[in-house]
Amino acid sequence: MTDDYTPLTNAFELQRKTIEQSRDAFERMVELQRRMSEAVVSGTETTGELYEQGIDTSRRALHSYLDAVEATLPQSDDAVEQIRETIDEQFDQLEAQQREAMSVVEESAGSADEIPEAYLHALDDQLDVLVDAHEQTERRIVDALDQMEDQVEQAQEQGQEQAEEIQERIQKLQSQMQPGADEE
C-alpha cells in the first residue's frame, strides 16, 4: 500500500534532501568564515609586526633628535633627559597597548576556530534529530494513510453488504406486497 503514496513519500524525500543541502551549504559558509578569520589574524600579525617596527623607528628617530639637541646644547642635558624619559614611557605604554591588542586578537582567533567546530557538531546533531523526526513523521503519516485506507475498504465492504441485505429485504417486501403472490 505504501507504493500508493509515492508523491507523498517523494515530497518527504525532497524535504530531507533540502535539509541535507542546507547543512552542507552552512558547513561551507562556516569553513569560509574560519578561513577569513585566519587570514585576518595572519594580516593582523603582519600589521602588528609593522606597527612594532614603526614604534621602534619612531623611538630611535626621537632619540637621535634628542642626541643631536644634547650635542648642540650641552647645558640642556637635564631637560633632554626628562623629555627622553617621557618619550620612553609613552612608547612603552604604546607597545604594551599594542601587545595587549594583539593578544586579544590571537585569543579571539583561537576561540573563533573552536566555535565553528563546536557549533557545527551541535548543528549536525540537531539536523540529525530533525531528519530522524522527519522520517518518523513520514512513517506515521504513511501508516495512518494505510490504516485509513483499510478502514475505508472495510467500511465499503460493510456498506456493500448492508446495501445487498437491504436490497434483498426490499425485494422480499416487494414480492410479499404483490397481489397474487400469496394466492399462488
C-alpha atoms as a PDB file:
ATOM      1  CA  MET A   1       0.000   0.000   0.000  1.00  0.00           C
ATOM      2  CA  THR A   2       2.946   2.326   0.618  1.00  0.00           C
ATOM      3  CA  ASP A   3       3.541   2.451  -3.146  1.00  0.00           C
ATOM      4  CA  ASP A   4       0.203   4.237  -3.428  1.00  0.00           C
ATOM      5  CA  TYR A   5       1.753   7.257  -1.672  1.00  0.00           C
ATOM      6  CA  THR A   6       4.722   7.812  -3.979  1.00  0.00           C
ATOM      7  CA  PRO A   7       4.037  11.561  -4.389  1.00  0.00           C
ATOM      8  CA  LEU A   8       3.827  11.909  -0.609  1.00  0.00           C
ATOM      9  CA  THR A   9       6.987   9.889   0.047  1.00  0.00           C
ATOM     10  CA  ASN A  10       8.747  11.777  -2.761  1.00  0.00           C
ATOM     11  CA  ALA A  11       7.807  15.065  -1.066  1.00  0.00           C
ATOM     12  CA  PHE A  12       9.279  13.846   2.217  1.00  0.00           C
ATOM     13  CA  GLU A  13      12.452  12.708   0.440  1.00  0.00           C
ATOM     14  CA  LEU A  14      12.747  16.101  -1.265  1.00  0.00           C
ATOM     15  CA  GLN A  15      12.403  17.830   2.098  1.00  0.00           C
ATOM     16  CA  ARG A  16      15.164  15.647   3.597  1.00  0.00           C
ATOM     17  CA  LYS A  17      17.447  16.369   0.646  1.00  0.00           C
ATOM     18  CA  THR A  18      16.789  20.091   1.105  1.00  0.00           C
ATOM     19  CA  ILE A  19      17.732  19.806   4.790  1.00  0.00           C
ATOM     20  CA  GLU A  20      20.955  17.971   3.888  1.00  0.00           C
ATOM     21  CA  GLN A  21      21.838  20.521   1.197  1.00  0.00           C
ATOM     22  CA  SER A  22      21.229  23.348   3.676  1.00  0.00           C
ATOM     23  CA  ARG A  23      23.531  21.597   6.152  1.00  0.00           C
ATOM     24  CA  ASP A  24      26.268  21.297   3.518  1.00  0.00           C
ATOM     25  CA  ALA A  25      25.908  24.941   2.487  1.00  0.00           C
ATOM     26  CA  PHE A  26      26.068  26.064   6.123  1.00  0.00           C
ATOM     27  CA  GLU A  27      29.197  23.978   6.758  1.00  0.00           C
ATOM     28  CA  ARG A  28      30.862  25.533   3.704  1.00  0.00           C
ATOM     29  CA  MET A  29      29.884  29.010   4.941  1.00  0.00           C
ATOM     30  CA  VAL A  30      31.368  28.349   8.398  1.00  0.00           C
ATOM     31  CA  GLU A  31      34.565  26.999   6.807  1.00  0.00           C
ATOM     32  CA  LEU A  32      34.804  30.157   4.678  1.00  0.00           C
ATOM     33  CA  GLN A  33      34.365  32.321   7.783  1.00  0.00           C
ATOM     34  CA  ARG A  34      37.051  30.301   9.578  1.00  0.00           C
ATOM     35  CA  ARG A  35      39.472  30.812   6.695  1.00  0.00           C
ATOM     36  CA  MET A  36      38.681  34.514   6.592  1.00  0.00           C
ATOM     37  CA  SER A  37      39.306  34.687  10.336  1.00  0.00           C
ATOM     38  CA  GLU A  38      42.673  33.000   9.855  1.00  0.00           C
ATOM     39  CA  ALA A  39      43.524  35.469   7.088  1.00  0.00           C
ATOM     40  CA  VAL A  40      42.557  38.400   9.304  1.00  0.00           C
ATOM     41  CA  VAL A  41      44.709  37.041  12.144  1.00  0.00           C
ATOM     42  CA  SER A  42      47.605  36.485   9.785  1.00  0.00           C
ATOM     43  CA  GLY A  43      47.193  40.003   8.432  1.00  0.00           C
ATOM     44  CA  THR A  44      46.887  41.321  11.964  1.00  0.00           C
ATOM     45  CA  GLU A  45      50.147  39.630  12.944  1.00  0.00           C
ATOM     46  CA  THR A  46      51.906  41.242   9.992  1.00  0.00           C
ATOM     47  CA  THR A  47      50.315  44.567  10.814  1.00  0.00           C
ATOM     48  CA  GLY A  48      51.416  44.148  14.440  1.00  0.00           C
ATOM     49  CA  GLU A  49      54.984  43.486  13.387  1.00  0.00           C
ATOM     50  CA  LEU A  50      54.962  46.521  11.100  1.00  0.00           C
ATOM     51  CA  TYR A  51      53.434  48.593  13.896  1.00  0.00           C
ATOM     52  CA  GLU A  52      56.189  47.454  16.306  1.00  0.00           C
ATOM     53  CA  GLN A  53      58.822  48.356  13.734  1.00  0.00           C
ATOM     54  CA  GLY A  54      57.175  51.744  13.250  1.00  0.00           C
ATOM     55  CA  ILE A  55      57.176  52.362  17.022  1.00  0.00           C
ATOM     56  CA  ASP A  56      60.820  51.313  17.281  1.00  0.00           C
ATOM     57  CA  THR A  57      61.812  53.500  14.311  1.00  0.00           C
ATOM     58  CA  SER A  58      59.950  56.492  15.749  1.00  0.00           C
ATOM     59  CA  ARG A  59      61.557  55.987  19.161  1.00  0.00           C
ATOM     60  CA  ARG A  60      65.050  55.781  17.638  1.00  0.00           C
ATOM     61  CA  ALA A  61      64.390  58.843  15.471  1.00  0.00           C
ATOM     62  CA  LEU A  62      63.314  60.871  18.514  1.00  0.00           C
ATOM     63  CA  HIS A  63      66.320  59.623  20.499  1.00  0.00           C
ATOM     64  CA  SER A  64      68.593  60.599  17.617  1.00  0.00           C
ATOM     65  CA  TYR A  65      66.997  64.035  17.570  1.00  0.00           C
ATOM     66  CA  LEU A  66      67.463  64.378  21.340  1.00  0.00           C
ATOM     67  CA  ASP A  67      71.089  63.228  20.974  1.00  0.00           C
ATOM     68  CA  ALA A  68      71.585  65.994  18.401  1.00  0.00           C
ATOM     69  CA  VAL A  69      69.980  68.546  20.753  1.00  0.00           C
ATOM     70  CA  GLU A  70      72.241  67.396  23.619  1.00  0.00           C
ATOM     71  CA  ALA A  71      75.308  67.662  21.414  1.00  0.00           C
ATOM     72  CA  THR A  72      74.324  71.116  20.253  1.00  0.00           C
ATOM     73  CA  LEU A  73      73.230  72.454  23.626  1.00  0.00           C
ATOM     74  CA  PRO A  74      75.346  70.852  26.375  1.00  0.00           C
ATOM     75  CA  GLN A  75      73.554  72.808  29.108  1.00  0.00           C
ATOM     76  CA  SER A  76      70.216  71.154  28.222  1.00  0.00           C
ATOM     77  CA  ASP A  77      71.229  67.695  29.462  1.00  0.00           C
ATOM     78  CA  ASP A  78      68.692  67.572  32.329  1.00  0.00           C
ATOM     79  CA  ALA A  79      65.774  68.815  30.203  1.00  0.00           C
ATOM     80  CA  VAL A  80      66.660  66.461  27.362  1.00  0.00           C
ATOM     81  CA  GLU A  81      66.896  63.544  29.822  1.00  0.00           C
ATOM     82  CA  GLN A  82      63.401  64.302  31.178  1.00  0.00           C
ATOM     83  CA  ILE A  83      61.999  64.506  27.647  1.00  0.00           C
ATOM     84  CA  ARG A  84      63.765  61.247  26.797  1.00  0.00           C
ATOM     85  CA  GLU A  85      62.195  59.532  29.861  1.00  0.00           C
ATOM     86  CA  THR A  86      58.747  60.879  28.992  1.00  0.00           C
ATOM     87  CA  ILE A  87      59.098  59.709  25.385  1.00  0.00           C
ATOM     88  CA  ASP A  88      60.255  56.263  26.546  1.00  0.00           C
ATOM     89  CA  GLU A  89      57.298  55.978  28.952  1.00  0.00           C
ATOM     90  CA  GLN A  90      54.862  56.943  26.180  1.00  0.00           C
ATOM     91  CA  PHE A  91      56.399  54.466  23.733  1.00  0.00           C
ATOM     92  CA  ASP A  92      56.446  51.735  26.424  1.00  0.00           C
ATOM     93  CA  GLN A  93      52.718  52.305  27.022  1.00  0.00           C
ATOM     94  CA  LEU A  94      52.063  52.282  23.301  1.00  0.00           C
ATOM     95  CA  GLU A  95      53.941  48.983  22.891  1.00  0.00           C
ATOM     96  CA  ALA A  96      52.083  47.476  25.874  1.00  0.00           C
ATOM     97  CA  GLN A  97      48.730  48.500  24.370  1.00  0.00           C
ATOM     98  CA  GLN A  98      49.764  47.076  21.031  1.00  0.00           C
ATOM     99  CA  ARG A  99      50.823  43.747  22.631  1.00  0.00           C
ATOM    100  CA  GLU A 100      47.546  43.617  24.561  1.00  0.00           C
ATOM    101  CA  ALA A 101      45.557  44.275  21.383  1.00  0.00           C
ATOM    102  CA  MET A 102      47.477  41.540  19.554  1.00  0.00           C
ATOM    103  CA  SER A 103      46.882  39.165  22.444  1.00  0.00           C
ATOM    104  CA  VAL A 104      43.135  39.830  22.308  1.00  0.00           C
ATOM    105  CA  VAL A 105      43.130  39.246  18.549  1.00  0.00           C
ATOM    106  CA  GLU A 106      45.061  35.974  18.943  1.00  0.00           C
ATOM    107  CA  GLU A 107      42.749  34.781  21.734  1.00  0.00           C
ATOM    108  CA  SER A 108      39.721  35.701  19.656  1.00  0.00           C
ATOM    109  CA  ALA A 109      41.156  33.824  16.696  1.00  0.00           C
ATOM    110  CA  GLY A 110      41.782  30.763  18.844  1.00  0.00           C
ATOM    111  CA  SER A 111      38.253  30.773  20.167  1.00  0.00           C
ATOM    112  CA  ALA A 112      36.914  31.538  16.686  1.00  0.00           C
ATOM    113  CA  ASP A 113      38.469  28.275  15.479  1.00  0.00           C
ATOM    114  CA  GLU A 114      36.864  26.369  18.346  1.00  0.00           C
ATOM    115  CA  ILE A 115      33.417  27.935  17.995  1.00  0.00           C
ATOM    116  CA  PRO A 116      32.730  26.795  14.437  1.00  0.00           C
ATOM    117  CA  GLU A 117      33.746  23.204  15.270  1.00  0.00           C
ATOM    118  CA  ALA A 118      31.565  23.098  18.360  1.00  0.00           C
ATOM    119  CA  TYR A 119      28.779  24.902  16.539  1.00  0.00           C
ATOM    120  CA  LEU A 120      28.997  22.551  13.557  1.00  0.00           C
ATOM    121  CA  HIS A 121      28.845  19.500  15.820  1.00  0.00           C
ATOM    122  CA  ALA A 122      25.808  20.901  17.629  1.00  0.00           C
ATOM    123  CA  LEU A 123      24.179  21.818  14.323  1.00  0.00           C
ATOM    124  CA  ASP A 124      24.952  18.361  12.940  1.00  0.00           C
ATOM    125  CA  ASP A 125      23.342  16.734  15.972  1.00  0.00           C
ATOM    126  CA  GLN A 126      20.278  18.959  15.703  1.00  0.00           C
ATOM    127  CA  LEU A 127      19.905  18.290  11.987  1.00  0.00           C
ATOM    128  CA  ASP A 128      20.243  14.536  12.608  1.00  0.00           C
ATOM    129  CA  VAL A 129      17.420  14.788  15.150  1.00  0.00           C
ATOM    130  CA  LEU A 130      15.382  16.817  12.649  1.00  0.00           C
ATOM    131  CA  VAL A 131      15.921  14.267   9.864  1.00  0.00           C
ATOM    132  CA  ASP A 132      15.030  11.383  12.223  1.00  0.00           C
ATOM    133  CA  ALA A 133      11.867  13.199  13.317  1.00  0.00           C
ATOM    134  CA  HIS A 134      11.074  13.905   9.677  1.00  0.00           C
ATOM    135  CA  GLU A 135      11.435  10.212   8.781  1.00  0.00           C
ATOM    136  CA  GLN A 136       9.278   9.204  11.762  1.00  0.00           C
ATOM    137  CA  THR A 137       6.621  11.698  10.693  1.00  0.00           C
ATOM    138  CA  GLU A 138       6.671  10.259   7.187  1.00  0.00           C
ATOM    139  CA  ARG A 139       6.294   6.695   8.531  1.00  0.00           C
ATOM    140  CA  ARG A 140       3.440   7.753  10.806  1.00  0.00           C
ATOM    141  CA  ILE A 141       1.621   9.545   8.012  1.00  0.00           C
ATOM    142  CA  VAL A 142       2.038   6.626   5.614  1.00  0.00           C
ATOM    143  CA  ASP A 143       0.929   4.179   8.348  1.00  0.00           C
ATOM    144  CA  ALA A 144      -2.078   6.380   9.141  1.00  0.00           C
ATOM    145  CA  LEU A 145      -2.973   6.538   5.453  1.00  0.00           C
ATOM    146  CA  ASP A 146      -2.631   2.743   5.207  1.00  0.00           C
ATOM    147  CA  GLN A 147      -4.922   2.307   8.218  1.00  0.00           C
ATOM    148  CA  MET A 148      -7.368   4.827   6.857  1.00  0.00           C
ATOM    149  CA  GLU A 149      -7.368   3.034   3.503  1.00  0.00           C
ATOM    150  CA  ASP A 150      -8.042  -0.288   5.288  1.00  0.00           C
ATOM    151  CA  GLN A 151     -10.865   1.302   7.266  1.00  0.00           C
ATOM    152  CA  VAL A 152     -12.356   2.818   4.111  1.00  0.00           C
ATOM    153  CA  GLU A 153     -12.176  -0.582   2.383  1.00  0.00           C
ATOM    154  CA  GLN A 154     -13.810  -2.241   5.397  1.00  0.00           C
ATOM    155  CA  ALA A 155     -16.487   0.445   5.501  1.00  0.00           C
ATOM    156  CA  GLN A 156     -17.098  -0.006   1.771  1.00  0.00           C
ATOM    157  CA  GLU A 157     -17.372  -3.769   2.203  1.00  0.00           C
ATOM    158  CA  GLN A 158     -19.755  -3.341   5.149  1.00  0.00           C
ATOM    159  CA  GLY A 159     -21.710  -0.753   3.213  1.00  0.00           C
ATOM    160  CA  GLN A 160     -21.884  -3.093   0.218  1.00  0.00           C
ATOM    161  CA  GLU A 161     -23.025  -5.960   2.448  1.00  0.00           C
ATOM    162  CA  GLN A 162     -25.631  -3.740   4.106  1.00  0.00           C
ATOM    163  CA  ALA A 163     -26.789  -2.462   0.709  1.00  0.00           C
ATOM    164  CA  GLU A 164     -27.159  -6.045  -0.530  1.00  0.00           C
ATOM    165  CA  GLU A 165     -29.100  -7.019   2.631  1.00  0.00           C
ATOM    166  CA  ILE A 166     -31.353  -4.002   2.240  1.00  0.00           C
ATOM    167  CA  GLN A 167     -31.854  -4.832  -1.452  1.00  0.00           C
ATOM    168  CA  GLU A 168     -32.792  -8.402  -0.524  1.00  0.00           C
ATOM    169  CA  ARG A 169     -35.252  -7.150   2.122  1.00  0.00           C
ATOM    170  CA  ILE A 170     -36.769  -4.706  -0.326  1.00  0.00           C
ATOM    171  CA  GLN A 171     -37.186  -7.469  -2.890  1.00  0.00           C
ATOM    172  CA  LYS A 172     -38.749  -9.724  -0.242  1.00  0.00           C
ATOM    173  CA  LEU A 173     -41.098  -6.973   0.817  1.00  0.00           C
ATOM    174  CA  GLN A 174     -41.994  -6.212  -2.772  1.00  0.00           C
ATOM    175  CA  SER A 175     -42.652  -9.822  -3.524  1.00  0.00           C
ATOM    176  CA  GLN A 176     -44.820 -10.101  -0.409  1.00  0.00           C
ATOM    177  CA  MET A 177     -46.754  -6.985  -1.309  1.00  0.00           C
ATOM    178  CA  GLN A 178     -47.563  -8.002  -4.812  1.00  0.00           C
ATOM    179  CA  PRO A 179     -51.127  -9.086  -5.235  1.00  0.00           C
ATOM    180  CA  GLY A 180     -51.332 -12.651  -6.064  1.00  0.00           C
ATOM    181  CA  ALA A 181     -48.014 -13.532  -4.556  1.00  0.00           C
ATOM    182  CA  ASP A 182     -49.937 -15.041  -1.568  1.00  0.00           C
ATOM    183  CA  GLU A 183     -52.507 -16.642  -3.797  1.00  0.00           C
ATOM    184  CA  GLU A 184     -50.068 -18.606  -5.807  1.00  0.00           C
END
